[in-house]
Protein backbone atom coordinates (compact mmCIF):
# COMPACT_ATOMS: atom_id res chain seq x y z
CA MET A 1 43.04 101.74 114.77
CA PRO A 2 41.63 101.20 111.28
CA GLY A 3 37.92 101.71 110.87
CA SER A 4 37.64 104.26 113.61
CA GLY A 5 37.60 108.13 113.56
CA TRP A 6 37.37 110.48 110.61
CA GLN A 7 38.70 108.20 108.10
CA SER A 8 35.88 105.95 108.27
CA GLU A 9 33.43 108.71 107.82
CA GLY A 10 32.28 110.42 104.87
CA ILE A 11 32.30 114.25 104.37
CA GLU A 12 28.66 114.57 104.99
CA ASN A 13 26.54 112.52 107.35
CA LEU A 14 23.37 111.83 105.43
CA THR A 15 22.16 108.93 107.41
CA LYS A 16 18.94 110.82 108.76
CA SER A 17 18.22 112.61 105.53
CA PRO A 18 14.98 111.08 104.00
CA HIS A 19 15.98 112.93 100.70
CA ALA A 20 19.63 111.75 100.46
CA LYS A 21 20.02 109.83 97.04
CA LEU A 22 23.84 109.43 97.67
CA HIS A 23 25.70 107.57 100.36
CA PRO A 24 28.58 108.57 102.13
CA VAL A 25 32.07 106.96 100.96
CA PRO A 26 34.75 106.70 103.82
CA ILE A 27 37.71 109.17 103.25
CA ARG A 28 40.12 106.22 103.44
CA ALA A 29 38.35 104.68 100.50
CA VAL A 30 39.33 107.31 98.28
CA THR A 31 42.55 108.12 96.34
CA ILE A 32 43.45 110.75 93.79
CA LYS A 33 45.95 109.49 91.26
CA SER A 34 45.60 110.86 87.60
CA GLY A 35 42.89 112.44 85.52
CA PHE A 36 41.22 115.74 86.22
CA TRP A 37 41.57 115.85 89.86
CA GLY A 38 45.01 114.21 89.77
CA ARG A 39 46.26 117.31 87.66
CA ARG A 40 44.29 119.82 89.83
CA ARG A 41 46.07 118.21 92.98
CA GLN A 42 49.44 118.56 91.44
CA VAL A 43 49.08 122.18 90.42
CA ASN A 44 47.91 122.69 94.20
CA VAL A 45 50.85 121.07 95.53
CA ALA A 46 53.48 122.46 93.00
CA LYS A 47 52.08 125.91 92.52
CA SER A 48 49.19 127.14 94.58
CA ILE A 49 50.42 125.91 98.02
CA PRO A 50 53.89 127.37 97.71
CA SER A 51 52.62 130.61 96.27
CA MET A 52 50.37 131.15 99.23
CA HIS A 53 53.20 130.36 101.78
CA ASP A 54 55.29 132.91 99.92
CA LEU A 55 52.53 135.50 100.25
CA LEU A 56 51.98 134.80 103.95
CA GLU A 57 55.58 135.00 104.34
CA ALA A 58 55.87 138.16 102.77
CA ASN A 59 53.32 139.91 104.51
CA GLY A 60 54.23 138.72 107.86
CA ARG A 61 51.35 136.30 108.45
CA MET A 62 53.32 133.26 108.81
CA ASN A 63 54.53 134.84 112.21
CA ASN A 64 51.18 134.56 113.55
CA PHE A 65 51.16 130.78 113.17
CA ARG A 66 54.70 130.50 114.29
CA ARG A 67 53.74 132.45 117.73
CA LEU A 68 50.71 130.03 117.98
CA ALA A 69 52.99 127.07 117.75
CA LYS A 70 55.47 128.87 120.18
CA LYS A 71 58.08 128.87 117.63
CA SER A 72 58.49 132.62 117.33
CA SER A 73 58.39 135.60 119.45
CA ALA A 74 57.93 138.04 116.64
CA PRO A 75 55.51 141.01 117.11
């Protein structure tokens, strides 16, 4: 249902703050395409996340997640 849940909320709820000068923007209103944050996002997707996955795999940590998802019986 559009307009409900976390997609309609901002990251911080500042409605009760007497000092807030900024207003929250719904998460669904934000897109990251190009520029500084777009490049950072691409690096995360292409390099950082796969590197972290490989490290978690190499050190046996991914088995913990697989066990929690009931997809492994590894010790």
